[in-house]
Amino acid sequence: MEKELNRVKEPLELFSLEDLRVVGLIQQDRSAKALILVKGQQSLGIHSVRLGDHLGKNFGRMLQITSNAVLLQELHQDGSGAWIERKTSLQVETDAT
């Protein structure tokens, strides 16, 4: 966990997952990328992210990109201070604004 706390944050870690929208996917050879838009922040443009990149405020790390979602693993701190891993996903949206 110390490694996660001490690394430099990536740009999309400034936003909660609720504010991130997957607006497209790119598949090149064996490499997949997701196109992410920050809700209400269109001036920031679209971000291209790949496996291993981080999203959201809970140390979310991209585990998988499918044809309709991005799967993430987040770290949450419970009431006793212990870190718990949780998996979540962001669905591809066609009308994201």
C-alpha atoms as a PDB file:
ATOM      1  CA  MET A   1       0.000   0.000   0.000  1.00  0.00           C
ATOM      2  CA  GLU A   2       2.879   2.372   0.728  1.00  0.00           C
ATOM      3  CA  LYS A   3       3.893   2.207  -2.931  1.00  0.00           C
ATOM      4  CA  GLU A   4       0.396   3.396  -3.939  1.00  0.00           C
ATOM      5  CA  LEU A   5       0.441   6.270  -1.448  1.00  0.00           C
ATOM      6  CA  ASN A   6       3.879   7.523  -2.538  1.00  0.00           C
ATOM      7  CA  ARG A   7       3.592   7.364  -6.331  1.00  0.00           C
ATOM      8  CA  VAL A   8       2.821  10.416  -8.480  1.00  0.00           C
ATOM      9  CA  LYS A   9      -0.915  10.648  -9.170  1.00  0.00           C
ATOM     10  CA  GLU A  10      -2.192  10.340 -12.727  1.00  0.00           C
ATOM     11  CA  PRO A  11      -4.497  13.117 -14.092  1.00  0.00           C
ATOM     12  CA  LEU A  12      -7.752  11.134 -13.892  1.00  0.00           C
ATOM     13  CA  GLU A  13      -7.185  10.361 -10.199  1.00  0.00           C
ATOM     14  CA  LEU A  14      -8.318  13.913  -9.419  1.00  0.00           C
ATOM     15  CA  PHE A  15     -11.910  12.926 -10.230  1.00  0.00           C
ATOM     16  CA  SER A  16     -14.358  10.464  -8.688  1.00  0.00           C
ATOM     17  CA  LEU A  17     -15.415   7.499 -10.832  1.00  0.00           C
ATOM     18  CA  GLU A  18     -18.923   8.962 -10.923  1.00  0.00           C
ATOM     19  CA  ASP A  19     -17.521  11.878 -12.944  1.00  0.00           C
ATOM     20  CA  LEU A  20     -15.669   9.712 -15.482  1.00  0.00           C
ATOM     21  CA  ARG A  21     -17.363   8.477 -18.652  1.00  0.00           C
ATOM     22  CA  VAL A  22     -16.052   5.825 -21.045  1.00  0.00           C
ATOM     23  CA  VAL A  23     -16.981   7.272 -24.445  1.00  0.00           C
ATOM     24  CA  GLY A  24     -15.122   4.854 -26.698  1.00  0.00           C
ATOM     25  CA  LEU A  25     -12.643   2.031 -27.092  1.00  0.00           C
ATOM     26  CA  ILE A  26      -9.666   1.574 -29.409  1.00  0.00           C
ATOM     27  CA  GLN A  27      -8.266  -1.840 -30.268  1.00  0.00           C
ATOM     28  CA  GLN A  28      -4.870  -1.939 -32.007  1.00  0.00           C
ATOM     29  CA  ASP A  29      -3.337  -5.366 -32.491  1.00  0.00           C
ATOM     30  CA  ARG A  30      -3.284  -6.790 -28.940  1.00  0.00           C
ATOM     31  CA  SER A  31      -3.427  -3.404 -27.232  1.00  0.00           C
ATOM     32  CA  ALA A  32      -6.711  -1.913 -26.049  1.00  0.00           C
ATOM     33  CA  LYS A  33      -7.328   1.646 -24.890  1.00  0.00           C
ATOM     34  CA  ALA A  34     -10.379   3.304 -23.384  1.00  0.00           C
ATOM     35  CA  LEU A  35     -11.363   6.892 -24.140  1.00  0.00           C
ATOM     36  CA  ILE A  36     -12.407   8.753 -20.981  1.00  0.00           C
ATOM     37  CA  LEU A  37     -14.262  12.056 -20.702  1.00  0.00           C
ATOM     38  CA  VAL A  38     -14.678  13.930 -17.414  1.00  0.00           C
ATOM     39  CA  LYS A  39     -18.357  14.820 -16.933  1.00  0.00           C
ATOM     40  CA  GLY A  40     -18.882  18.580 -17.117  1.00  0.00           C
ATOM     41  CA  GLN A  41     -15.221  19.161 -18.044  1.00  0.00           C
ATOM     42  CA  GLN A  42     -15.256  18.828 -21.835  1.00  0.00           C
ATOM     43  CA  SER A  43     -12.547  21.508 -22.052  1.00  0.00           C
ATOM     44  CA  LEU A  44     -10.126  18.899 -20.626  1.00  0.00           C
ATOM     45  CA  GLY A  45     -10.646  16.786 -23.734  1.00  0.00           C
ATOM     46  CA  ILE A  46     -10.736  13.030 -24.030  1.00  0.00           C
ATOM     47  CA  HIS A  47      -8.105  10.971 -22.210  1.00  0.00           C
ATOM     48  CA  SER A  48      -6.733   7.738 -23.663  1.00  0.00           C
ATOM     49  CA  VAL A  49      -5.993   5.156 -20.949  1.00  0.00           C
ATOM     50  CA  ARG A  50      -4.702   1.587 -21.002  1.00  0.00           C
ATOM     51  CA  LEU A  51      -4.340  -1.387 -18.683  1.00  0.00           C
ATOM     52  CA  GLY A  52      -2.497  -0.518 -15.483  1.00  0.00           C
ATOM     53  CA  ASP A  53      -3.422   3.170 -15.607  1.00  0.00           C
ATOM     54  CA  HIS A  54      -5.108   4.706 -12.564  1.00  0.00           C
ATOM     55  CA  LEU A  55      -8.544   6.385 -12.405  1.00  0.00           C
ATOM     56  CA  GLY A  56     -10.646   7.855  -9.635  1.00  0.00           C
ATOM     57  CA  LYS A  57      -9.902   8.957  -6.096  1.00  0.00           C
ATOM     58  CA  ASN A  58      -9.669   5.449  -4.585  1.00  0.00           C
ATOM     59  CA  PHE A  59      -6.446   4.269  -6.238  1.00  0.00           C
ATOM     60  CA  GLY A  60      -8.442   2.631  -9.054  1.00  0.00           C
ATOM     61  CA  ARG A  61      -6.200   0.598 -11.385  1.00  0.00           C
ATOM     62  CA  MET A  62      -7.440  -0.648 -14.754  1.00  0.00           C
ATOM     63  CA  LEU A  63      -7.502  -4.444 -14.890  1.00  0.00           C
ATOM     64  CA  GLN A  64      -9.379  -5.140 -18.106  1.00  0.00           C
ATOM     65  CA  ILE A  65     -10.968  -3.420 -21.079  1.00  0.00           C
ATOM     66  CA  THR A  66     -13.924  -5.252 -22.615  1.00  0.00           C
ATOM     67  CA  SER A  67     -16.196  -4.320 -25.508  1.00  0.00           C
ATOM     68  CA  ASN A  68     -18.624  -2.584 -23.152  1.00  0.00           C
ATOM     69  CA  ALA A  69     -16.759  -1.709 -19.927  1.00  0.00           C
ATOM     70  CA  VAL A  70     -13.532  -0.892 -18.129  1.00  0.00           C
ATOM     71  CA  LEU A  71     -12.894  -3.088 -15.082  1.00  0.00           C
ATOM     72  CA  LEU A  72     -11.015  -1.565 -12.141  1.00  0.00           C
ATOM     73  CA  GLN A  73      -9.654  -2.548  -8.768  1.00  0.00           C
ATOM     74  CA  GLU A  74      -9.914   0.131  -6.075  1.00  0.00           C
ATOM     75  CA  LEU A  75      -8.525   0.406  -2.558  1.00  0.00           C
ATOM     76  CA  HIS A  76     -10.858   1.577   0.206  1.00  0.00           C
ATOM     77  CA  GLN A  77      -9.972   2.163   3.838  1.00  0.00           C
ATOM     78  CA  ASP A  78     -12.397   0.665   6.354  1.00  0.00           C
ATOM     79  CA  GLY A  79     -13.269   2.076   9.780  1.00  0.00           C
ATOM     80  CA  SER A  80     -10.299   0.365  11.432  1.00  0.00           C
ATOM     81  CA  GLY A  81      -7.834   1.797   8.906  1.00  0.00           C
ATOM     82  CA  ALA A  82      -7.320  -1.457   7.009  1.00  0.00           C
ATOM     83  CA  TRP A  83      -7.167  -1.286   3.207  1.00  0.00           C
ATOM     84  CA  ILE A  84      -9.706  -3.391   1.293  1.00  0.00           C
ATOM     85  CA  GLU A  85      -9.574  -4.167  -2.441  1.00  0.00           C
ATOM     86  CA  ARG A  86     -12.827  -3.822  -4.376  1.00  0.00           C
ATOM     87  CA  LYS A  87     -13.526  -4.422  -8.034  1.00  0.00           C
ATOM     88  CA  THR A  88     -15.790  -2.079  -9.955  1.00  0.00           C
ATOM     89  CA  SER A  89     -16.456  -1.092 -13.546  1.00  0.00           C
ATOM     90  CA  LEU A  90     -17.271   1.834 -15.796  1.00  0.00           C
ATOM     91  CA  GLN A  91     -19.666   1.053 -18.614  1.00  0.00           C
ATOM     92  CA  VAL A  92     -19.187   2.434 -22.124  1.00  0.00           C
ATOM     93  CA  GLU A  93     -21.634   5.292 -22.694  1.00  0.00           C
ATOM     94  CA  THR A  94     -22.796   6.481 -26.077  1.00  0.00           C
ATOM     95  CA  ASP A  95     -24.395   9.744 -24.926  1.00  0.00           C
ATOM     96  CA  ALA A  96     -21.773  11.006 -22.423  1.00  0.00           C
ATOM     97  CA  THR A  97     -21.691  14.768 -21.876  1.00  0.00           C
END
